[in-house]
């Protein structure tokens, strides 16, 4: 499975990346590839053994979204633009559901 996480450098995105890297599955399927996207370059994931593509990109720029989906991710988590007040409240629910 190929997972793309948009907003991977933020608090929720980073927690989600770490949870997936540790568990290595999502919905009972092996996660073989992660594409981490944010307006700043997402952090390196040291404990994950699958393929990782860290991308610095601004989705508001023309053509960026189209370029990103050319890699044909199976699942996309769009976590960009969640402000910090919401992020703290949401992060526990998101990570617990994995």
N, C-alpha and C. Protein backbone atom coordinates (compact mmCIF):
# COMPACT_ATOMS: atom_id res chain seq x y z
N UNK A 1 0.83 -1.17 0.00
CA UNK A 1 0.00 0.00 0.00
C UNK A 1 0.88 1.24 0.00
N UNK A 2 0.47 2.23 -0.74
CA UNK A 2 1.17 3.52 -0.81
C UNK A 2 0.29 4.56 -0.13
N UNK A 3 0.81 5.21 0.90
CA UNK A 3 0.08 6.24 1.63
C UNK A 3 0.74 7.59 1.42
N UNK A 4 -0.09 8.59 1.12
CA UNK A 4 0.38 9.97 1.02
C UNK A 4 -0.20 10.75 2.20
N UNK A 5 0.67 11.49 2.89
CA UNK A 5 0.22 12.32 4.00
C UNK A 5 0.55 13.76 3.67
N UNK A 6 -0.49 14.54 3.44
CA UNK A 6 -0.33 15.97 3.15
C UNK A 6 -0.45 16.70 4.49
N UNK A 7 0.55 17.50 4.80
CA UNK A 7 0.63 18.12 6.12
C UNK A 7 1.47 17.27 7.05
N UNK A 8 2.39 16.51 6.49
CA UNK A 8 3.19 15.55 7.25
C UNK A 8 4.17 16.21 8.22
N UNK A 9 4.48 17.48 8.05
CA UNK A 9 5.42 18.15 8.95
C UNK A 9 4.72 18.76 10.16
N UNK A 10 3.40 18.80 10.15
CA UNK A 10 2.66 19.35 11.28
C UNK A 10 2.55 18.35 12.42
N UNK A 11 1.92 18.79 13.50
CA UNK A 11 1.82 17.94 14.69
C UNK A 11 1.06 16.65 14.42
N UNK A 12 -0.13 16.74 13.85
CA UNK A 12 -0.91 15.53 13.58
C UNK A 12 -0.23 14.69 12.52
N UNK A 13 0.22 15.33 11.45
CA UNK A 13 0.88 14.61 10.37
C UNK A 13 2.09 13.84 10.86
N UNK A 14 2.90 14.48 11.68
CA UNK A 14 4.10 13.82 12.21
C UNK A 14 3.73 12.65 13.10
N UNK A 15 2.72 12.81 13.95
CA UNK A 15 2.28 11.71 14.81
C UNK A 15 1.73 10.55 13.96
N UNK A 16 0.99 10.88 12.92
CA UNK A 16 0.45 9.85 12.03
C UNK A 16 1.57 9.10 11.33
N UNK A 17 2.55 9.83 10.83
CA UNK A 17 3.71 9.20 10.17
C UNK A 17 4.40 8.24 11.13
N UNK A 18 4.66 8.68 12.35
CA UNK A 18 5.34 7.83 13.33
C UNK A 18 4.51 6.59 13.65
N UNK A 19 3.20 6.75 13.79
CA UNK A 19 2.34 5.61 14.11
C UNK A 19 2.34 4.58 12.97
N UNK A 20 2.24 5.05 11.74
CA UNK A 20 2.25 4.14 10.59
C UNK A 20 3.62 3.48 10.47
N UNK A 21 4.68 4.24 10.68
CA UNK A 21 6.04 3.68 10.58
C UNK A 21 6.25 2.57 11.62
N UNK A 22 5.71 2.74 12.80
CA UNK A 22 5.88 1.73 13.84
C UNK A 22 5.01 0.51 13.60
N UNK A 23 3.77 0.73 13.15
CA UNK A 23 2.84 -0.39 12.95
C UNK A 23 3.08 -1.08 11.60
N UNK A 24 3.45 -0.35 10.59
CA UNK A 24 3.72 -0.80 9.22
C UNK A 24 2.52 -1.39 8.49
N UNK A 25 1.32 -1.23 9.06
CA UNK A 25 0.10 -1.67 8.38
C UNK A 25 -0.97 -0.60 8.54
N UNK A 26 -1.95 -0.67 7.65
CA UNK A 26 -3.13 0.17 7.74
C UNK A 26 -4.30 -0.66 7.24
N UNK A 27 -5.30 -0.86 8.07
CA UNK A 27 -6.45 -1.66 7.68
C UNK A 27 -6.07 -3.10 7.35
N UNK A 28 -5.04 -3.60 8.01
CA UNK A 28 -4.60 -4.97 7.78
C UNK A 28 -3.71 -5.16 6.57
N UNK A 29 -3.42 -4.11 5.84
CA UNK A 29 -2.55 -4.20 4.67
C UNK A 29 -1.18 -3.59 4.98
N UNK A 30 -0.14 -4.20 4.44
CA UNK A 30 1.22 -3.70 4.65
C UNK A 30 1.41 -2.36 3.94
N UNK A 31 2.02 -1.44 4.65
CA UNK A 31 2.36 -0.13 4.08
C UNK A 31 3.77 -0.24 3.53
N UNK A 32 3.90 -0.18 2.22
CA UNK A 32 5.20 -0.35 1.58
C UNK A 32 5.84 0.97 1.16
N UNK A 33 5.01 2.03 1.09
CA UNK A 33 5.53 3.30 0.60
C UNK A 33 4.79 4.46 1.26
N UNK A 34 5.55 5.47 1.68
CA UNK A 34 5.00 6.70 2.25
C UNK A 34 5.46 7.89 1.42
N UNK A 35 4.53 8.75 1.08
CA UNK A 35 4.86 10.03 0.47
C UNK A 35 4.44 11.10 1.47
N UNK A 36 5.41 11.84 1.98
CA UNK A 36 5.18 12.85 3.00
C UNK A 36 5.30 14.22 2.36
N UNK A 37 4.24 15.00 2.44
CA UNK A 37 4.18 16.29 1.75
C UNK A 37 3.84 17.40 2.73
N UNK A 38 4.53 18.52 2.61
CA UNK A 38 4.19 19.71 3.39
C UNK A 38 4.87 20.91 2.75
N UNK A 39 4.49 22.08 3.20
CA UNK A 39 5.07 23.31 2.67
C UNK A 39 6.53 23.47 3.12
N UNK A 40 6.89 22.80 4.22
CA UNK A 40 8.29 22.66 4.62
C UNK A 40 8.62 21.17 4.52
N UNK A 41 9.88 20.84 4.33
CA UNK A 41 10.23 19.43 4.15
C UNK A 41 9.93 18.63 5.42
N UNK A 42 9.15 17.56 5.30
CA UNK A 42 8.86 16.71 6.46
C UNK A 42 10.12 16.06 7.02
N UNK A 43 10.05 15.71 8.30
CA UNK A 43 11.19 15.09 8.97
C UNK A 43 11.48 13.70 8.41
N UNK A 44 12.72 13.29 8.56
CA UNK A 44 13.14 11.94 8.20
C UNK A 44 12.50 10.96 9.16
N UNK A 45 12.09 9.81 8.67
CA UNK A 45 11.50 8.75 9.50
C UNK A 45 12.53 7.64 9.60
N UNK A 46 13.18 7.54 10.73
CA UNK A 46 14.31 6.62 10.88
C UNK A 46 13.89 5.16 11.04
N UNK A 47 12.78 4.90 11.72
CA UNK A 47 12.43 3.51 12.03
C UNK A 47 11.61 2.83 10.95
N UNK A 48 11.31 3.48 9.86
CA UNK A 48 10.51 2.89 8.80
C UNK A 48 11.42 2.26 7.74
N UNK A 49 11.12 1.02 7.35
CA UNK A 49 11.99 0.32 6.40
C UNK A 49 11.46 0.36 4.96
N UNK A 50 10.25 0.84 4.76
CA UNK A 50 9.70 0.93 3.41
C UNK A 50 10.24 2.15 2.67
N UNK A 51 9.72 2.37 1.49
CA UNK A 51 10.14 3.50 0.66
C UNK A 51 9.51 4.79 1.19
N UNK A 52 10.30 5.85 1.27
CA UNK A 52 9.80 7.15 1.72
C UNK A 52 10.19 8.22 0.72
N UNK A 53 9.22 9.04 0.37
CA UNK A 53 9.46 10.21 -0.47
C UNK A 53 9.02 11.43 0.33
N UNK A 54 9.96 12.27 0.73
CA UNK A 54 9.64 13.50 1.45
C UNK A 54 9.64 14.66 0.46
N UNK A 55 8.52 15.37 0.39
CA UNK A 55 8.35 16.39 -0.63
C UNK A 55 7.96 17.73 -0.02
N UNK A 56 8.69 18.75 -0.36
CA UNK A 56 8.34 20.12 0.00
C UNK A 56 7.50 20.67 -1.15
N UNK A 57 6.23 21.00 -0.87
CA UNK A 57 5.34 21.46 -1.93
C UNK A 57 4.24 22.35 -1.37
N UNK A 58 3.79 23.28 -2.18
CA UNK A 58 2.69 24.17 -1.84
C UNK A 58 1.50 23.81 -2.72
N UNK A 59 0.48 23.21 -2.13
CA UNK A 59 -0.68 22.76 -2.90
C UNK A 59 -1.46 23.89 -3.54
N UNK A 60 -1.23 25.12 -3.10
CA UNK A 60 -1.94 26.24 -3.72
C UNK A 60 -1.33 26.64 -5.07
N UNK A 61 -0.15 26.10 -5.37
CA UNK A 61 0.48 26.38 -6.66
C UNK A 61 -0.12 25.50 -7.74
N UNK A 62 -0.33 26.08 -8.89
CA UNK A 62 -0.95 25.37 -10.00
C UNK A 62 -0.13 24.14 -10.40
N UNK A 63 -0.81 23.01 -10.55
CA UNK A 63 -0.19 21.79 -11.02
C UNK A 63 0.44 20.92 -9.95
N UNK A 64 0.59 21.42 -8.73
CA UNK A 64 1.25 20.64 -7.67
C UNK A 64 0.42 19.42 -7.29
N UNK A 65 -0.87 19.59 -7.07
CA UNK A 65 -1.72 18.46 -6.69
C UNK A 65 -1.72 17.39 -7.78
N UNK A 66 -1.82 17.81 -9.01
CA UNK A 66 -1.81 16.87 -10.12
C UNK A 66 -0.50 16.09 -10.18
N UNK A 67 0.60 16.78 -9.93
CA UNK A 67 1.92 16.11 -9.93
C UNK A 67 2.01 15.10 -8.79
N UNK A 68 1.50 15.46 -7.62
CA UNK A 68 1.59 14.57 -6.47
C UNK A 68 0.78 13.28 -6.67
N UNK A 69 -0.39 13.37 -7.25
CA UNK A 69 -1.21 12.17 -7.39
C UNK A 69 -0.76 11.27 -8.55
N UNK A 70 0.19 11.71 -9.33
CA UNK A 70 0.73 10.85 -10.39
C UNK A 70 1.39 9.60 -9.81
N UNK A 71 1.78 9.66 -8.54
CA UNK A 71 2.38 8.49 -7.90
C UNK A 71 1.33 7.46 -7.49
N UNK A 72 0.06 7.77 -7.70
CA UNK A 72 -1.07 6.86 -7.48
C UNK A 72 -1.14 6.29 -6.06
N UNK A 73 -1.23 7.16 -5.05
CA UNK A 73 -1.36 6.65 -3.68
C UNK A 73 -2.68 5.91 -3.50
N UNK A 74 -2.66 4.89 -2.64
CA UNK A 74 -3.88 4.14 -2.32
C UNK A 74 -4.73 4.89 -1.30
N UNK A 75 -4.06 5.61 -0.40
CA UNK A 75 -4.73 6.37 0.65
C UNK A 75 -4.07 7.74 0.74
N UNK A 76 -4.90 8.78 0.88
CA UNK A 76 -4.38 10.14 1.09
C UNK A 76 -4.97 10.67 2.39
N UNK A 77 -4.09 11.07 3.32
CA UNK A 77 -4.51 11.77 4.52
C UNK A 77 -4.21 13.25 4.27
N UNK A 78 -5.25 14.09 4.26
CA UNK A 78 -5.04 15.53 4.05
C UNK A 78 -5.18 16.22 5.39
N UNK A 79 -4.05 16.54 5.98
CA UNK A 79 -4.01 17.14 7.31
C UNK A 79 -3.49 18.57 7.28
N UNK A 80 -3.27 19.10 6.11
CA UNK A 80 -2.75 20.46 5.99
C UNK A 80 -3.82 21.46 6.45
N UNK A 81 -3.38 22.57 7.00
CA UNK A 81 -4.22 23.70 7.38
C UNK A 81 -5.07 23.44 8.62
N UNK A 82 -4.71 22.45 9.43
CA UNK A 82 -5.39 22.26 10.71
C UNK A 82 -4.63 23.09 11.73
N UNK A 83 -5.31 24.05 12.33
CA UNK A 83 -4.64 24.95 13.27
C UNK A 83 -4.37 24.25 14.60
N UNK A 84 -3.43 24.79 15.38
CA UNK A 84 -2.94 24.09 16.56
C UNK A 84 -4.01 23.78 17.60
N UNK A 85 -4.99 24.63 17.80
CA UNK A 85 -6.05 24.34 18.77
C UNK A 85 -6.82 23.09 18.39
N UNK A 86 -7.15 22.97 17.12
CA UNK A 86 -7.84 21.79 16.63
C UNK A 86 -6.91 20.57 16.64
N UNK A 87 -5.66 20.79 16.30
CA UNK A 87 -4.71 19.69 16.14
C UNK A 87 -4.57 18.87 17.42
N UNK A 88 -4.47 19.52 18.54
CA UNK A 88 -4.30 18.80 19.79
C UNK A 88 -5.51 17.92 20.08
N UNK A 89 -6.70 18.46 19.85
CA UNK A 89 -7.93 17.72 20.12
C UNK A 89 -8.10 16.56 19.15
N UNK A 90 -7.77 16.76 17.88
CA UNK A 90 -7.98 15.76 16.85
C UNK A 90 -6.92 14.67 16.87
N UNK A 91 -5.68 15.01 17.23
CA UNK A 91 -4.57 14.07 17.07
C UNK A 91 -4.78 12.76 17.81
N UNK A 92 -5.35 12.80 18.99
CA UNK A 92 -5.56 11.57 19.75
C UNK A 92 -6.54 10.65 19.01
N UNK A 93 -7.59 11.21 18.45
CA UNK A 93 -8.58 10.40 17.73
C UNK A 93 -7.98 9.82 16.45
N UNK A 94 -7.22 10.60 15.72
CA UNK A 94 -6.64 10.13 14.46
C UNK A 94 -5.67 8.98 14.70
N UNK A 95 -4.77 9.15 15.63
CA UNK A 95 -3.75 8.14 15.90
C UNK A 95 -4.38 6.88 16.50
N UNK A 96 -5.37 7.03 17.35
CA UNK A 96 -6.02 5.88 17.98
C UNK A 96 -6.76 5.03 16.95
N UNK A 97 -7.19 5.63 15.86
CA UNK A 97 -7.98 4.90 14.86
C UNK A 97 -7.11 4.05 13.92
N UNK A 98 -5.81 4.17 14.01
CA UNK A 98 -4.92 3.41 13.11
C UNK A 98 -4.78 1.99 13.55
